[in-house]
Amino acid sequence: MTLADSGSKVVLTGWLLAGRKGQRVSFFPLRDSFGTTQLVIDQGESGLFDVPVESTVLIEGTVLQRPDSARRPGPAGQIEVKVDRFMVLNPADRDMPFWPSDTHNLANDELRARYRYLDLRRPTLANNLRKRSQVAHIVRNVLHRQGLYPL
C-alpha cells in the first residue's frame, strides 16, 4: 500500500505486535511478509490490547494518510490503517519461548532451531529465504531457456 491508496478499504493479515496508547487513539504495528503497517484504533475500542502479541490477525479498515510529523521512510511509512473490524485467526501463546519481533534480545541458536517456525518470522531470515528463492528462479529460467531441462 502507498499514499495513492488513501481512502481505500483494505483487508490485511499479519502478526500483531505490541501496541501503544495515545491520547485519543491507540497504535499497533502489523507485520507481514512485505513489511510493517501501522494500525490505528479509537481509544474506546481497545479490543486489540486483549490479543496476545505475535497472534495472526485479519484486519479490515481504511487507509489514511499519516500526519507529516509522523511519516516514516518507505511506502507504508506514509500511511496508516484505521481499523474497522478485526478477527484473530490464530492466537499466539502468551508464554512464547522468544519473541521474533524482539531484535535486541536474540534467543540462543539451540532455542531458535527448536522453534524454527518462529525464527523464520524474523525479517532477516525471511529476506534470506526470499533471496534464495529468487536466485533459484533465475538459475532455473536460464537453464530452461538453454534447453537444459531436468530429467
C-alpha atoms as a PDB file:
ATOM      1  CA  MET A   1       0.000   0.000   0.000  1.00  0.00           C
ATOM      2  CA  THR A   2       1.093   3.513  -0.720  1.00  0.00           C
ATOM      3  CA  LEU A   3      -0.152   7.052  -0.271  1.00  0.00           C
ATOM      4  CA  ALA A   4      -2.131   6.626  -3.509  1.00  0.00           C
ATOM      5  CA  ASP A   5      -4.352   4.120  -1.645  1.00  0.00           C
ATOM      6  CA  SER A   6      -5.643   6.751   0.830  1.00  0.00           C
ATOM      7  CA  GLY A   7      -9.360   6.319   1.413  1.00  0.00           C
ATOM      8  CA  SER A   8      -9.384   2.733   0.151  1.00  0.00           C
ATOM      9  CA  LYS A   9     -10.914  -0.099   2.126  1.00  0.00           C
ATOM     10  CA  VAL A  10      -8.364  -2.869   2.735  1.00  0.00           C
ATOM     11  CA  VAL A  11      -8.113  -6.316   4.264  1.00  0.00           C
ATOM     12  CA  LEU A  12      -4.741  -7.181   5.790  1.00  0.00           C
ATOM     13  CA  THR A  13      -3.385 -10.226   7.574  1.00  0.00           C
ATOM     14  CA  GLY A  14      -0.219 -10.481   9.597  1.00  0.00           C
ATOM     15  CA  TRP A  15       1.299 -10.729  13.034  1.00  0.00           C
ATOM     16  CA  LEU A  16       0.106  -8.194  15.583  1.00  0.00           C
ATOM     17  CA  LEU A  17       2.918  -6.565  17.549  1.00  0.00           C
ATOM     18  CA  ALA A  18       2.752  -4.727  20.877  1.00  0.00           C
ATOM     19  CA  GLY A  19       0.529  -1.653  20.809  1.00  0.00           C
ATOM     20  CA  ARG A  20       0.865   1.723  22.435  1.00  0.00           C
ATOM     21  CA  LYS A  21      -1.805   4.085  23.689  1.00  0.00           C
ATOM     22  CA  GLY A  22      -2.013   7.656  22.509  1.00  0.00           C
ATOM     23  CA  GLN A  23      -4.245  10.398  23.862  1.00  0.00           C
ATOM     24  CA  ARG A  24      -7.216   9.758  21.545  1.00  0.00           C
ATOM     25  CA  VAL A  25      -6.174   6.672  19.578  1.00  0.00           C
ATOM     26  CA  SER A  26      -4.063   3.559  20.028  1.00  0.00           C
ATOM     27  CA  PHE A  27      -1.442   2.310  17.586  1.00  0.00           C
ATOM     28  CA  PHE A  28      -0.455  -1.239  16.679  1.00  0.00           C
ATOM     29  CA  PRO A  29       2.169  -2.428  14.217  1.00  0.00           C
ATOM     30  CA  LEU A  30       1.053  -5.239  11.913  1.00  0.00           C
ATOM     31  CA  ARG A  31       3.910  -7.165  10.330  1.00  0.00           C
ATOM     32  CA  ASP A  32       3.618  -9.383   7.266  1.00  0.00           C
ATOM     33  CA  SER A  33       5.958 -10.658   4.579  1.00  0.00           C
ATOM     34  CA  PHE A  34       6.035  -7.225   2.929  1.00  0.00           C
ATOM     35  CA  GLY A  35       6.888  -5.142   5.995  1.00  0.00           C
ATOM     36  CA  THR A  36       5.097  -3.350   8.813  1.00  0.00           C
ATOM     37  CA  THR A  37       1.920  -1.273   8.641  1.00  0.00           C
ATOM     38  CA  GLN A  38       0.688   0.938  11.457  1.00  0.00           C
ATOM     39  CA  LEU A  39      -2.862   0.292  12.620  1.00  0.00           C
ATOM     40  CA  VAL A  40      -4.924   2.990  14.336  1.00  0.00           C
ATOM     41  CA  ILE A  41      -7.876   2.256  16.575  1.00  0.00           C
ATOM     42  CA  ASP A  42     -10.079   4.636  18.573  1.00  0.00           C
ATOM     43  CA  GLN A  43      -9.326   4.704  22.295  1.00  0.00           C
ATOM     44  CA  GLY A  44     -12.763   3.349  23.262  1.00  0.00           C
ATOM     45  CA  GLU A  45     -12.305   0.248  21.099  1.00  0.00           C
ATOM     46  CA  SER A  46      -9.344  -1.361  22.832  1.00  0.00           C
ATOM     47  CA  GLY A  47     -10.121  -4.986  21.878  1.00  0.00           C
ATOM     48  CA  LEU A  48      -6.757  -5.390  20.165  1.00  0.00           C
ATOM     49  CA  PHE A  49      -4.997  -4.944  23.533  1.00  0.00           C
ATOM     50  CA  ASP A  50      -6.547  -8.267  24.604  1.00  0.00           C
ATOM     51  CA  VAL A  51      -4.981 -10.115  21.654  1.00  0.00           C
ATOM     52  CA  PRO A  52      -1.624 -11.741  22.507  1.00  0.00           C
ATOM     53  CA  VAL A  53       1.427 -10.239  20.786  1.00  0.00           C
ATOM     54  CA  GLU A  54       2.541 -12.202  17.671  1.00  0.00           C
ATOM     55  CA  SER A  55      -1.003 -13.507  17.052  1.00  0.00           C
ATOM     56  CA  THR A  56      -2.098 -13.812  13.435  1.00  0.00           C
ATOM     57  CA  VAL A  57      -4.953 -11.412  12.765  1.00  0.00           C
ATOM     58  CA  LEU A  58      -7.150 -10.273   9.901  1.00  0.00           C
ATOM     59  CA  ILE A  59      -7.789  -6.526   9.768  1.00  0.00           C
ATOM     60  CA  GLU A  60     -10.470  -4.681   7.820  1.00  0.00           C
ATOM     61  CA  GLY A  61     -10.002  -0.947   7.654  1.00  0.00           C
ATOM     62  CA  THR A  62      -9.458   2.252   5.724  1.00  0.00           C
ATOM     63  CA  VAL A  63      -6.109   3.575   4.508  1.00  0.00           C
ATOM     64  CA  LEU A  64      -5.366   7.046   5.853  1.00  0.00           C
ATOM     65  CA  GLN A  65      -2.546   9.475   5.156  1.00  0.00           C
ATOM     66  CA  ARG A  66      -0.243   9.844   8.140  1.00  0.00           C
ATOM     67  CA  PRO A  67       0.343  13.340   9.509  1.00  0.00           C
ATOM     68  CA  ASP A  68       3.541  14.918   8.145  1.00  0.00           C
ATOM     69  CA  SER A  69       5.220  14.780  11.563  1.00  0.00           C
ATOM     70  CA  ALA A  70       4.586  11.020  11.890  1.00  0.00           C
ATOM     71  CA  ARG A  71       5.739   9.852   8.465  1.00  0.00           C
ATOM     72  CA  ARG A  72       8.486   7.256   8.134  1.00  0.00           C
ATOM     73  CA  PRO A  73      10.662   6.231   5.187  1.00  0.00           C
ATOM     74  CA  GLY A  74       9.194   3.710   2.764  1.00  0.00           C
ATOM     75  CA  PRO A  75       5.760   3.384   1.162  1.00  0.00           C
ATOM     76  CA  ALA A  76       3.964   2.063   4.276  1.00  0.00           C
ATOM     77  CA  GLY A  77       5.514   4.841   6.361  1.00  0.00           C
ATOM     78  CA  GLN A  78       3.332   7.378   4.585  1.00  0.00           C
ATOM     79  CA  ILE A  79       0.054   5.698   5.545  1.00  0.00           C
ATOM     80  CA  GLU A  80      -1.772   4.037   8.405  1.00  0.00           C
ATOM     81  CA  VAL A  81      -4.874   1.864   8.515  1.00  0.00           C
ATOM     82  CA  LYS A  82      -7.840   2.833  10.671  1.00  0.00           C
ATOM     83  CA  VAL A  83      -9.256  -0.441  11.937  1.00  0.00           C
ATOM     84  CA  ASP A  84     -12.968  -1.021  11.352  1.00  0.00           C
ATOM     85  CA  ARG A  85     -13.013  -4.705  12.324  1.00  0.00           C
ATOM     86  CA  PHE A  86     -10.529  -7.382  13.257  1.00  0.00           C
ATOM     87  CA  MET A  87     -10.547 -11.131  13.693  1.00  0.00           C
ATOM     88  CA  VAL A  88      -7.965 -13.275  15.455  1.00  0.00           C
ATOM     89  CA  LEU A  89      -7.022 -16.054  13.044  1.00  0.00           C
ATOM     90  CA  ASN A  90      -4.542 -17.809  15.323  1.00  0.00           C
ATOM     91  CA  PRO A  91      -3.831 -16.574  18.849  1.00  0.00           C
ATOM     92  CA  ALA A  92      -0.217 -16.740  19.982  1.00  0.00           C
ATOM     93  CA  ASP A  93       0.769 -18.429  23.196  1.00  0.00           C
ATOM     94  CA  ARG A  94       1.377 -15.750  25.820  1.00  0.00           C
ATOM     95  CA  ASP A  95       4.386 -17.772  27.033  1.00  0.00           C
ATOM     96  CA  MET A  96       6.308 -17.986  23.766  1.00  0.00           C
ATOM     97  CA  PRO A  97       9.907 -19.212  24.120  1.00  0.00           C
ATOM     98  CA  PHE A  98      11.114 -15.985  22.464  1.00  0.00           C
ATOM     99  CA  TRP A  99       9.621 -13.054  20.578  1.00  0.00           C
ATOM    100  CA  PRO A 100      10.512 -12.980  16.859  1.00  0.00           C
ATOM    101  CA  SER A 101       9.843  -9.237  16.792  1.00  0.00           C
ATOM    102  CA  ASP A 102      12.430  -8.549  19.529  1.00  0.00           C
ATOM    103  CA  THR A 103      15.583  -7.641  17.619  1.00  0.00           C
ATOM    104  CA  HIS A 104      17.545  -6.660  20.733  1.00  0.00           C
ATOM    105  CA  ASN A 105      17.325  -9.901  22.731  1.00  0.00           C
ATOM    106  CA  LEU A 106      18.030 -12.706  20.287  1.00  0.00           C
ATOM    107  CA  ALA A 107      17.460 -16.218  21.621  1.00  0.00           C
ATOM    108  CA  ASN A 108      20.309 -18.724  21.584  1.00  0.00           C
ATOM    109  CA  ASP A 109      20.853 -20.897  18.497  1.00  0.00           C
ATOM    110  CA  GLU A 110      19.505 -24.077  20.084  1.00  0.00           C
ATOM    111  CA  LEU A 111      16.221 -22.445  21.082  1.00  0.00           C
ATOM    112  CA  ARG A 112      15.888 -20.737  17.683  1.00  0.00           C
ATOM    113  CA  ALA A 113      16.497 -24.071  15.916  1.00  0.00           C
ATOM    114  CA  ARG A 114      13.890 -25.851  18.045  1.00  0.00           C
ATOM    115  CA  TYR A 115      11.312 -23.167  17.288  1.00  0.00           C
ATOM    116  CA  ARG A 116      12.346 -22.577  13.686  1.00  0.00           C
ATOM    117  CA  TYR A 117       8.795 -21.628  12.657  1.00  0.00           C
ATOM    118  CA  LEU A 118       9.046 -18.604  14.983  1.00  0.00           C
ATOM    119  CA  ASP A 119      12.594 -17.743  13.954  1.00  0.00           C
ATOM    120  CA  LEU A 120      11.570 -17.605  10.286  1.00  0.00           C
ATOM    121  CA  ARG A 121       9.259 -14.684  11.104  1.00  0.00           C
ATOM    122  CA  ARG A 122      12.306 -12.503  11.716  1.00  0.00           C
ATOM    123  CA  PRO A 123      12.796 -10.109   8.769  1.00  0.00           C
ATOM    124  CA  THR A 124      16.464 -11.062   8.330  1.00  0.00           C
ATOM    125  CA  LEU A 125      15.722 -14.749   7.833  1.00  0.00           C
ATOM    126  CA  ALA A 126      12.605 -14.089   5.751  1.00  0.00           C
ATOM    127  CA  ASN A 127      14.656 -11.861   3.416  1.00  0.00           C
ATOM    128  CA  ASN A 128      17.323 -14.582   3.125  1.00  0.00           C
ATOM    129  CA  LEU A 129      14.688 -17.124   2.081  1.00  0.00           C
ATOM    130  CA  ARG A 130      13.206 -14.667  -0.411  1.00  0.00           C
ATOM    131  CA  LYS A 131      16.638 -14.019  -1.995  1.00  0.00           C
ATOM    132  CA  ARG A 132      17.404 -17.735  -2.135  1.00  0.00           C
ATOM    133  CA  SER A 133      14.122 -18.339  -3.944  1.00  0.00           C
ATOM    134  CA  GLN A 134      14.816 -15.529  -6.422  1.00  0.00           C
ATOM    135  CA  VAL A 135      18.303 -16.887  -7.213  1.00  0.00           C
ATOM    136  CA  ALA A 136      16.958 -20.410  -7.739  1.00  0.00           C
ATOM    137  CA  HIS A 137      14.241 -18.982 -10.016  1.00  0.00           C
ATOM    138  CA  ILE A 138      16.803 -17.104 -12.142  1.00  0.00           C
ATOM    139  CA  VAL A 139      19.033 -20.181 -12.448  1.00  0.00           C
ATOM    140  CA  ARG A 140      16.100 -22.390 -13.466  1.00  0.00           C
ATOM    141  CA  ASN A 141      14.941 -19.844 -16.070  1.00  0.00           C
ATOM    142  CA  VAL A 142      18.429 -19.623 -17.618  1.00  0.00           C
ATOM    143  CA  LEU A 143      18.760 -23.405 -17.755  1.00  0.00           C
ATOM    144  CA  HIS A 144      15.265 -23.718 -19.218  1.00  0.00           C
ATOM    145  CA  ARG A 145      15.988 -21.141 -21.955  1.00  0.00           C
ATOM    146  CA  GLN A 146      19.137 -23.054 -22.883  1.00  0.00           C
ATOM    147  CA  GLY A 147      17.184 -26.291 -23.234  1.00  0.00           C
ATOM    148  CA  LEU A 148      18.700 -27.955 -20.170  1.00  0.00           C
ATOM    149  CA  TYR A 149      15.595 -29.494 -18.630  1.00  0.00           C
ATOM    150  CA  PRO A 150      15.723 -31.718 -15.566  1.00  0.00           C
ATOM    151  CA  LEU A 151      15.266 -35.401 -16.315  1.00  0.00           C
END
